[in-house]
Amino acid sequence: MAEEKIGIVTHYFGKIGVAAVTITDGDLKVGDRIHVTGHTSDFTQTVESLEIEHGSVEVARKGEEVGLRMTAHAHEHDLLFKVTGD
């Protein structure tokens, strides 16, 4: 599996399981597979929904900050990678 860096976690809201993510490279779409990695984080999930300013979006582009529901606990400064290929 190839991976390309897509963003960084800027904040994690534990009660609702949502991370604020800044997209640093490329774009992120609903349905993309991502790998979240950091000092104590290492998990893979499929993006089920994205929100910008409390509004649902299908695509987040470079420079945007997006809310992303996480399947596991993420931490500030964790990196997000888009999983591509097999």
PDB file of N, CA and C in Angstrom:
ATOM      1  N   MET A   1       0.835  -1.186   0.000  1.00  0.00           N
ATOM      2  CA  MET A   1       0.000   0.000   0.000  1.00  0.00           C
ATOM      3  C   MET A   1       0.880   1.251   0.000  1.00  0.00           C
ATOM      4  N   ALA A   2       0.624   2.127  -0.912  1.00  0.00           N
ATOM      5  CA  ALA A   2       1.324   3.405  -0.947  1.00  0.00           C
ATOM      6  C   ALA A   2       0.535   4.425  -0.139  1.00  0.00           C
ATOM      7  N   GLU A   3       1.256   5.373   0.430  1.00  0.00           N
ATOM      8  CA  GLU A   3       0.617   6.423   1.214  1.00  0.00           C
ATOM      9  C   GLU A   3       1.190   7.766   0.812  1.00  0.00           C
ATOM     10  N   GLU A   4       0.328   8.797   0.817  1.00  0.00           N
ATOM     11  CA  GLU A   4       0.800  10.157   0.585  1.00  0.00           C
ATOM     12  C   GLU A   4       0.284  11.048   1.707  1.00  0.00           C
ATOM     13  N   LYS A   5       1.168  11.912   2.223  1.00  0.00           N
ATOM     14  CA  LYS A   5       0.779  12.805   3.319  1.00  0.00           C
ATOM     15  C   LYS A   5      -0.332  13.726   2.840  1.00  0.00           C
ATOM     16  N   ILE A   6      -1.358  13.870   3.674  1.00  0.00           N
ATOM     17  CA  ILE A   6      -2.514  14.677   3.292  1.00  0.00           C
ATOM     18  C   ILE A   6      -2.797  15.791   4.292  1.00  0.00           C
ATOM     19  N   GLY A   7      -2.448  15.583   5.589  1.00  0.00           N
ATOM     20  CA  GLY A   7      -2.779  16.613   6.567  1.00  0.00           C
ATOM     21  C   GLY A   7      -2.226  16.326   7.946  1.00  0.00           C
ATOM     22  N   ILE A   8      -2.614  17.213   8.871  1.00  0.00           N
ATOM     23  CA  ILE A   8      -2.157  17.121  10.262  1.00  0.00           C
ATOM     24  C   ILE A   8      -3.321  17.448  11.200  1.00  0.00           C
ATOM     25  N   VAL A   9      -3.395  16.711  12.299  1.00  0.00           N
ATOM     26  CA  VAL A   9      -4.439  16.956  13.307  1.00  0.00           C
ATOM     27  C   VAL A   9      -4.049  18.191  14.111  1.00  0.00           C
ATOM     28  N   THR A  10      -4.944  19.169  14.177  1.00  0.00           N
ATOM     29  CA  THR A  10      -4.675  20.380  14.948  1.00  0.00           C
ATOM     30  C   THR A  10      -5.392  20.364  16.300  1.00  0.00           C
ATOM     31  N   HIS A  11      -6.455  19.564  16.413  1.00  0.00           N
ATOM     32  CA  HIS A  11      -7.182  19.449  17.678  1.00  0.00           C
ATOM     33  C   HIS A  11      -8.014  18.179  17.640  1.00  0.00           C
ATOM     34  N   TYR A  12      -8.238  17.570  18.806  1.00  0.00           N
ATOM     35  CA  TYR A  12      -9.101  16.393  18.903  1.00  0.00           C
ATOM     36  C   TYR A  12     -10.155  16.652  19.961  1.00  0.00           C
ATOM     37  N   PHE A  13     -11.411  16.454  19.573  1.00  0.00           N
ATOM     38  CA  PHE A  13     -12.551  16.640  20.477  1.00  0.00           C
ATOM     39  C   PHE A  13     -12.986  15.256  20.968  1.00  0.00           C
ATOM     40  N   GLY A  14     -12.484  14.878  22.138  1.00  0.00           N
ATOM     41  CA  GLY A  14     -12.674  13.525  22.652  1.00  0.00           C
ATOM     42  C   GLY A  14     -14.113  13.111  22.885  1.00  0.00           C
ATOM     43  N   LYS A  15     -14.942  14.028  23.395  1.00  0.00           N
ATOM     44  CA  LYS A  15     -16.331  13.661  23.710  1.00  0.00           C
ATOM     45  C   LYS A  15     -17.128  13.262  22.476  1.00  0.00           C
ATOM     46  N   ILE A  16     -16.803  13.859  21.326  1.00  0.00           N
ATOM     47  CA  ILE A  16     -17.556  13.548  20.101  1.00  0.00           C
ATOM     48  C   ILE A  16     -16.730  12.753  19.096  1.00  0.00           C
ATOM     49  N   GLY A  17     -15.458  12.494  19.415  1.00  0.00           N
ATOM     50  CA  GLY A  17     -14.614  11.669  18.553  1.00  0.00           C
ATOM     51  C   GLY A  17     -14.309  12.297  17.205  1.00  0.00           C
ATOM     52  N   VAL A  18     -14.115  13.606  17.191  1.00  0.00           N
ATOM     53  CA  VAL A  18     -13.867  14.329  15.940  1.00  0.00           C
ATOM     54  C   VAL A  18     -12.526  15.046  16.030  1.00  0.00           C
ATOM     55  N   ALA A  19     -11.775  14.980  14.942  1.00  0.00           N
ATOM     56  CA  ALA A  19     -10.500  15.690  14.862  1.00  0.00           C
ATOM     57  C   ALA A  19     -10.637  16.870  13.914  1.00  0.00           C
ATOM     58  N   ALA A  20     -10.009  17.992  14.295  1.00  0.00           N
ATOM     59  CA  ALA A  20      -9.858  19.122  13.380  1.00  0.00           C
ATOM     60  C   ALA A  20      -8.552  18.858  12.630  1.00  0.00           C
ATOM     61  N   VAL A  21      -8.639  18.831  11.313  1.00  0.00           N
ATOM     62  CA  VAL A  21      -7.495  18.478  10.478  1.00  0.00           C
ATOM     63  C   VAL A  21      -7.245  19.590   9.470  1.00  0.00           C
ATOM     64  N   THR A  22      -5.994  20.021   9.356  1.00  0.00           N
ATOM     65  CA  THR A  22      -5.612  20.963   8.314  1.00  0.00           C
ATOM     66  C   THR A  22      -5.068  20.146   7.144  1.00  0.00           C
ATOM     67  N   ILE A  23      -5.660  20.356   5.963  1.00  0.00           N
ATOM     68  CA  ILE A  23      -5.196  19.665   4.766  1.00  0.00           C
ATOM     69  C   ILE A  23      -3.946  20.399   4.264  1.00  0.00           C
ATOM     70  N   THR A  24      -2.814  19.694   4.224  1.00  0.00           N
ATOM     71  CA  THR A  24      -1.543  20.314   3.855  1.00  0.00           C
ATOM     72  C   THR A  24      -1.107  19.986   2.434  1.00  0.00           C
ATOM     73  N   ASP A  25      -1.629  18.902   1.889  1.00  0.00           N
ATOM     74  CA  ASP A  25      -1.242  18.462   0.544  1.00  0.00           C
ATOM     75  C   ASP A  25      -2.432  17.790  -0.126  1.00  0.00           C
ATOM     76  N   GLY A  26      -2.655  18.114  -1.379  1.00  0.00           N
ATOM     77  CA  GLY A  26      -3.694  17.438  -2.147  1.00  0.00           C
ATOM     78  C   GLY A  26      -5.086  17.701  -1.637  1.00  0.00           C
ATOM     79  N   ASP A  27      -5.959  16.687  -1.757  1.00  0.00           N
ATOM     80  CA  ASP A  27      -7.329  16.811  -1.266  1.00  0.00           C
ATOM     81  C   ASP A  27      -7.768  15.503  -0.626  1.00  0.00           C
ATOM     82  N   LEU A  28      -8.814  15.595   0.176  1.00  0.00           N
ATOM     83  CA  LEU A  28      -9.366  14.457   0.896  1.00  0.00           C
ATOM     84  C   LEU A  28     -10.845  14.379   0.589  1.00  0.00           C
ATOM     85  N   LYS A  29     -11.307  13.183   0.193  1.00  0.00           N
ATOM     86  CA  LYS A  29     -12.701  12.989  -0.200  1.00  0.00           C
ATOM     87  C   LYS A  29     -13.373  11.971   0.711  1.00  0.00           C
ATOM     88  N   VAL A  30     -14.685  12.089   0.832  1.00  0.00           N
ATOM     89  CA  VAL A  30     -15.470  11.072   1.521  1.00  0.00           C
ATOM     90  C   VAL A  30     -15.253   9.756   0.767  1.00  0.00           C
ATOM     91  N   GLY A  31     -14.972   8.696   1.512  1.00  0.00           N
ATOM     92  CA  GLY A  31     -14.700   7.388   0.915  1.00  0.00           C
ATOM     93  C   GLY A  31     -13.220   7.056   0.822  1.00  0.00           C
ATOM     94  N   ASP A  32     -12.350   8.073   0.966  1.00  0.00           N
ATOM     95  CA  ASP A  32     -10.906   7.820   0.954  1.00  0.00           C
ATOM     96  C   ASP A  32     -10.509   7.006   2.175  1.00  0.00           C
ATOM     97  N   ARG A  33      -9.483   6.206   2.018  1.00  0.00           N
ATOM     98  CA  ARG A  33      -8.913   5.443   3.134  1.00  0.00           C
ATOM     99  C   ARG A  33      -7.719   6.242   3.661  1.00  0.00           C
ATOM    100  N   ILE A  34      -7.665   6.447   4.994  1.00  0.00           N
ATOM    101  CA  ILE A  34      -6.577   7.212   5.571  1.00  0.00           C
ATOM    102  C   ILE A  34      -5.855   6.409   6.649  1.00  0.00           C
ATOM    103  N   HIS A  35      -4.599   6.768   6.864  1.00  0.00           N
ATOM    104  CA  HIS A  35      -3.779   6.191   7.925  1.00  0.00           C
ATOM    105  C   HIS A  35      -3.375   7.344   8.832  1.00  0.00           C
ATOM    106  N   VAL A  36      -3.703   7.228  10.118  1.00  0.00           N
ATOM    107  CA  VAL A  36      -3.375   8.257  11.097  1.00  0.00           C
ATOM    108  C   VAL A  36      -2.218   7.728  11.942  1.00  0.00           C
ATOM    109  N   THR A  37      -1.155   8.515  12.011  1.00  0.00           N
ATOM    110  CA  THR A  37       0.014   8.059  12.761  1.00  0.00           C
ATOM    111  C   THR A  37       0.623   9.205  13.560  1.00  0.00           C
ATOM    112  N   GLY A  38       1.152   8.852  14.714  1.00  0.00           N
ATOM    113  CA  GLY A  38       1.772   9.837  15.592  1.00  0.00           C
ATOM    114  C   GLY A  38       2.537   9.134  16.684  1.00  0.00           C
ATOM    115  N   HIS A  39       2.880   9.882  17.732  1.00  0.00           N
ATOM    116  CA  HIS A  39       3.672   9.331  18.831  1.00  0.00           C
ATOM    117  C   HIS A  39       3.003   8.102  19.459  1.00  0.00           C
ATOM    118  N   THR A  40       1.689   8.175  19.668  1.00  0.00           N
ATOM    119  CA  THR A  40       0.961   7.041  20.262  1.00  0.00           C
ATOM    120  C   THR A  40      -0.214   6.590  19.407  1.00  0.00           C
ATOM    121  N   SER A  41      -0.374   7.154  18.214  1.00  0.00           N
ATOM    122  CA  SER A  41      -1.496   6.804  17.334  1.00  0.00           C
ATOM    123  C   SER A  41      -0.992   6.012  16.138  1.00  0.00           C
ATOM    124  N   ASP A  42      -1.778   5.032  15.716  1.00  0.00           N
ATOM    125  CA  ASP A  42      -1.466   4.289  14.497  1.00  0.00           C
ATOM    126  C   ASP A  42      -2.699   3.473  14.119  1.00  0.00           C
ATOM    127  N   PHE A  43      -3.558   4.050  13.274  1.00  0.00           N
ATOM    128  CA  PHE A  43      -4.762   3.336  12.848  1.00  0.00           C
ATOM    129  C   PHE A  43      -5.155   3.766  11.438  1.00  0.00           C
ATOM    130  N   THR A  44      -5.947   2.922  10.807  1.00  0.00           N
ATOM    131  CA  THR A  44      -6.430   3.170   9.450  1.00  0.00           C
ATOM    132  C   THR A  44      -7.944   3.178   9.483  1.00  0.00           C
ATOM    133  N   GLN A  45      -8.549   4.058   8.695  1.00  0.00           N
ATOM    134  CA  GLN A  45     -10.007   4.125   8.624  1.00  0.00           C
ATOM    135  C   GLN A  45     -10.441   4.686   7.283  1.00  0.00           C
ATOM    136  N   THR A  46     -11.727   4.550   6.996  1.00  0.00           N
ATOM    137  CA  THR A  46     -12.320   5.159   5.811  1.00  0.00           C
ATOM    138  C   THR A  46     -13.005   6.455   6.229  1.00  0.00           C
ATOM    139  N   VAL A  47     -12.845   7.500   5.419  1.00  0.00           N
ATOM    140  CA  VAL A  47     -13.482   8.787   5.701  1.00  0.00           C
ATOM    141  C   VAL A  47     -14.977   8.652   5.415  1.00  0.00           C
ATOM    142  N   GLU A  48     -15.813   8.794   6.443  1.00  0.00           N
ATOM    143  CA  GLU A  48     -17.253   8.647   6.273  1.00  0.00           C
ATOM    144  C   GLU A  48     -17.965   9.974   6.081  1.00  0.00           C
ATOM    145  N   SER A  49     -17.384  11.057   6.638  1.00  0.00           N
ATOM    146  CA  SER A  49     -17.983  12.377   6.458  1.00  0.00           C
ATOM    147  C   SER A  49     -16.935  13.441   6.730  1.00  0.00           C
ATOM    148  N   LEU A  50     -17.121  14.596   6.110  1.00  0.00           N
ATOM    149  CA  LEU A  50     -16.245  15.746   6.300  1.00  0.00           C
ATOM    150  C   LEU A  50     -17.119  16.967   6.556  1.00  0.00           C
ATOM    151  N   GLU A  51     -16.662  17.851   7.435  1.00  0.00           N
ATOM    152  CA  GLU A  51     -17.398  19.091   7.691  1.00  0.00           C
ATOM    153  C   GLU A  51     -16.452  20.274   7.705  1.00  0.00           C
ATOM    154  N   ILE A  52     -16.899  21.359   7.083  1.00  0.00           N
ATOM    155  CA  ILE A  52     -16.192  22.631   7.148  1.00  0.00           C
ATOM    156  C   ILE A  52     -17.187  23.647   7.673  1.00  0.00           C
ATOM    157  N   GLU A  53     -16.838  24.323   8.776  1.00  0.00           N
ATOM    158  CA  GLU A  53     -17.727  25.310   9.400  1.00  0.00           C
ATOM    159  C   GLU A  53     -19.131  24.730   9.655  1.00  0.00           C
ATOM    160  N   HIS A  54     -19.197  23.517  10.176  1.00  0.00           N
ATOM    161  CA  HIS A  54     -20.448  22.828  10.541  1.00  0.00           C
ATOM    162  C   HIS A  54     -21.317  22.464   9.339  1.00  0.00           C
ATOM    163  N   GLY A  55     -20.773  22.567   8.131  1.00  0.00           N
ATOM    164  CA  GLY A  55     -21.502  22.169   6.929  1.00  0.00           C
ATOM    165  C   GLY A  55     -20.835  20.972   6.290  1.00  0.00           C
ATOM    166  N   SER A  56     -21.625  20.008   5.867  1.00  0.00           N
ATOM    167  CA  SER A  56     -21.107  18.792   5.255  1.00  0.00           C
ATOM    168  C   SER A  56     -20.529  19.090   3.868  1.00  0.00           C
ATOM    169  N   VAL A  57     -19.356  18.523   3.581  1.00  0.00           N
ATOM    170  CA  VAL A  57     -18.729  18.659   2.267  1.00  0.00           C
ATOM    171  C   VAL A  57     -18.269  17.290   1.793  1.00  0.00           C
ATOM    172  N   GLU A  58     -18.081  17.144   0.492  1.00  0.00           N
ATOM    173  CA  GLU A  58     -17.605  15.885  -0.083  1.00  0.00           C
ATOM    174  C   GLU A  58     -16.090  15.875  -0.248  1.00  0.00           C
ATOM    175  N   VAL A  59     -15.489  17.083  -0.400  1.00  0.00           N
ATOM    176  CA  VAL A  59     -14.050  17.195  -0.651  1.00  0.00           C
ATOM    177  C   VAL A  59     -13.465  18.327   0.192  1.00  0.00           C
ATOM    178  N   ALA A  60     -12.299  18.083   0.786  1.00  0.00           N
ATOM    179  CA  ALA A  60     -11.539  19.126   1.480  1.00  0.00           C
ATOM    180  C   ALA A  60     -10.232  19.296   0.719  1.00  0.00           C
ATOM    181  N   ARG A  61      -9.881  20.543   0.409  1.00  0.00           N
ATOM    182  CA  ARG A  61      -8.699  20.823  -0.396  1.00  0.00           C
ATOM    183  C   ARG A  61      -7.575  21.444   0.430  1.00  0.00           C
ATOM    184  N   LYS A  62      -6.391  21.455  -0.140  1.00  0.00           N
ATOM    185  CA  LYS A  62      -5.200  22.008   0.507  1.00  0.00           C
ATOM    186  C   LYS A  62      -5.490  23.386   1.099  1.00  0.00           C
ATOM    187  N   GLY A  63      -5.108  23.567   2.363  1.00  0.00           N
ATOM    188  CA  GLY A  63      -5.292  24.838   3.051  1.00  0.00           C
ATOM    189  C   GLY A  63      -6.563  24.924   3.874  1.00  0.00           C
ATOM    190  N   GLU A  64      -7.483  23.993   3.679  1.00  0.00           N
ATOM    191  CA  GLU A  64      -8.743  24.034   4.431  1.00  0.00           C
ATOM    192  C   GLU A  64      -8.608  23.267   5.742  1.00  0.00           C
ATOM    193  N   GLU A  65      -9.384  23.699   6.740  1.00  0.00           N
ATOM    194  CA  GLU A  65      -9.474  22.972   8.002  1.00  0.00           C
ATOM    195  C   GLU A  65     -10.815  22.267   8.021  1.00  0.00           C
ATOM    196  N   VAL A  66     -10.781  20.984   8.322  1.00  0.00           N
ATOM    197  CA  VAL A  66     -11.968  20.151   8.201  1.00  0.00           C
ATOM    198  C   VAL A  66     -12.169  19.344   9.481  1.00  0.00           C
ATOM    199  N   GLY A  67     -13.440  19.082   9.808  1.00  0.00           N
ATOM    200  CA  GLY A  67     -13.777  18.199  10.910  1.00  0.00           C
ATOM    201  C   GLY A  67     -13.946  16.790  10.372  1.00  0.00           C
ATOM    202  N   LEU A  68     -13.337  15.834  11.048  1.00  0.00           N
ATOM    203  CA  LEU A  68     -13.327  14.448  10.573  1.00  0.00           C
ATOM    204  C   LEU A  68     -13.565  13.509  11.747  1.00  0.00           C
ATOM    205  N   ARG A  69     -14.632  12.717  11.662  1.00  0.00           N
ATOM    206  CA  ARG A  69     -14.920  11.753  12.737  1.00  0.00           C
ATOM    207  C   ARG A  69     -13.867  10.647  12.696  1.00  0.00           C
ATOM    208  N   MET A  70     -13.324  10.332  13.870  1.00  0.00           N
ATOM    209  CA  MET A  70     -12.268   9.319  13.977  1.00  0.00           C
ATOM    210  C   MET A  70     -12.806   8.044  14.600  1.00  0.00           C
ATOM    211  N   THR A  71     -12.253   6.911  14.174  1.00  0.00           N
ATOM    212  CA  THR A  71     -12.651   5.627  14.736  1.00  0.00           C
ATOM    213  C   THR A  71     -11.828   5.277  15.974  1.00  0.00           C
ATOM    214  N   ALA A  72     -10.730   6.018  16.192  1.00  0.00           N
ATOM    215  CA  ALA A  72      -9.882   5.832  17.374  1.00  0.00           C
ATOM    216  C   ALA A  72      -9.421   7.212  17.839  1.00  0.00           C
ATOM    217  N   HIS A  73      -8.806   7.261  18.996  1.00  0.00           N
ATOM    218  CA  HIS A  73      -8.366   8.538  19.560  1.00  0.00           C
ATOM    219  C   HIS A  73      -7.181   9.086  18.772  1.00  0.00           C
ATOM    220  N   ALA A  74      -7.314  10.291  18.278  1.00  0.00           N
ATOM    221  CA  ALA A  74      -6.222  10.980  17.591  1.00  0.00           C
ATOM    222  C   ALA A  74      -5.652  12.040  18.524  1.00  0.00           C
ATOM    223  N   HIS A  75      -4.473  12.527  18.205  1.00  0.00           N
ATOM    224  CA  HIS A  75      -3.802  13.525  19.040  1.00  0.00           C
ATOM    225  C   HIS A  75      -3.318  14.678  18.178  1.00  0.00           C
ATOM    226  N   GLU A  76      -3.188  15.851  18.795  1.00  0.00           N
ATOM    227  CA  GLU A  76      -2.622  16.985  18.078  1.00  0.00           C
ATOM    228  C   GLU A  76      -1.266  16.592  17.511  1.00  0.00           C
ATOM    229  N   HIS A  77      -0.988  17.059  16.307  1.00  0.00           N
ATOM    230  CA  HIS A  77       0.261  16.815  15.584  1.00  0.00           C
ATOM    231  C   HIS A  77       0.336  15.438  14.933  1.00  0.00           C
ATOM    232  N   ASP A  78      -0.697  14.590  15.090  1.00  0.00           N
ATOM    233  CA  ASP A  78      -0.722  13.334  14.331  1.00  0.00           C
ATOM    234  C   ASP A  78      -0.777  13.669  12.850  1.00  0.00           C
ATOM    235  N   LEU A  79      -0.151  12.831  12.041  1.00  0.00           N
ATOM    236  CA  LEU A  79      -0.161  13.026  10.597  1.00  0.00           C
ATOM    237  C   LEU A  79      -1.202  12.123   9.952  1.00  0.00           C
ATOM    238  N   LEU A  80      -1.841  12.631   8.900  1.00  0.00           N
ATOM    239  CA  LEU A  80      -2.794  11.853   8.120  1.00  0.00           C
ATOM    240  C   LEU A  80      -2.180  11.559   6.767  1.00  0.00           C
ATOM    241  N   PHE A  81      -2.291  10.312   6.364  1.00  0.00           N
ATOM    242  CA  PHE A  81      -1.823   9.886   5.057  1.00  0.00           C
ATOM    243  C   PHE A  81      -2.989   9.277   4.297  1.00  0.00           C
ATOM    244  N   LYS A  82      -3.119   9.595   3.015  1.00  0.00           N
ATOM    245  CA  LYS A  82      -4.125   8.960   2.168  1.00  0.00           C
ATOM    246  C   LYS A  82      -3.520   7.659   1.661  1.00  0.00           C
ATOM    247  N   VAL A  83      -4.239   6.547   1.851  1.00  0.00           N
ATOM    248  CA  VAL A  83      -3.778   5.246   1.393  1.00  0.00           C
ATOM    249  C   VAL A  83      -4.198   5.086  -0.061  1.00  0.00           C
ATOM    250  N   THR A  84      -3.220   4.828  -0.932  1.00  0.00           N
ATOM    251  CA  THR A  84      -3.495   4.677  -2.361  1.00  0.00           C
ATOM    252  C   THR A  84      -2.986   3.329  -2.834  1.00  0.00           C
ATOM    253  N   GLY A  85      -3.651   2.766  -3.817  1.00  0.00           N
ATOM    254  CA  GLY A  85      -3.206   1.494  -4.381  1.00  0.00           C
ATOM    255  C   GLY A  85      -3.418   0.332  -3.438  1.00  0.00           C
ATOM    256  N   ASP A  86      -2.841  -0.791  -3.806  1.00  0.00           N
ATOM    257  CA  ASP A  86      -2.986  -2.006  -2.998  1.00  0.00           C
ATOM    258  C   ASP A  86      -1.691  -2.440  -2.430  1.00  0.00           C
TER     259      ASP A  86
END
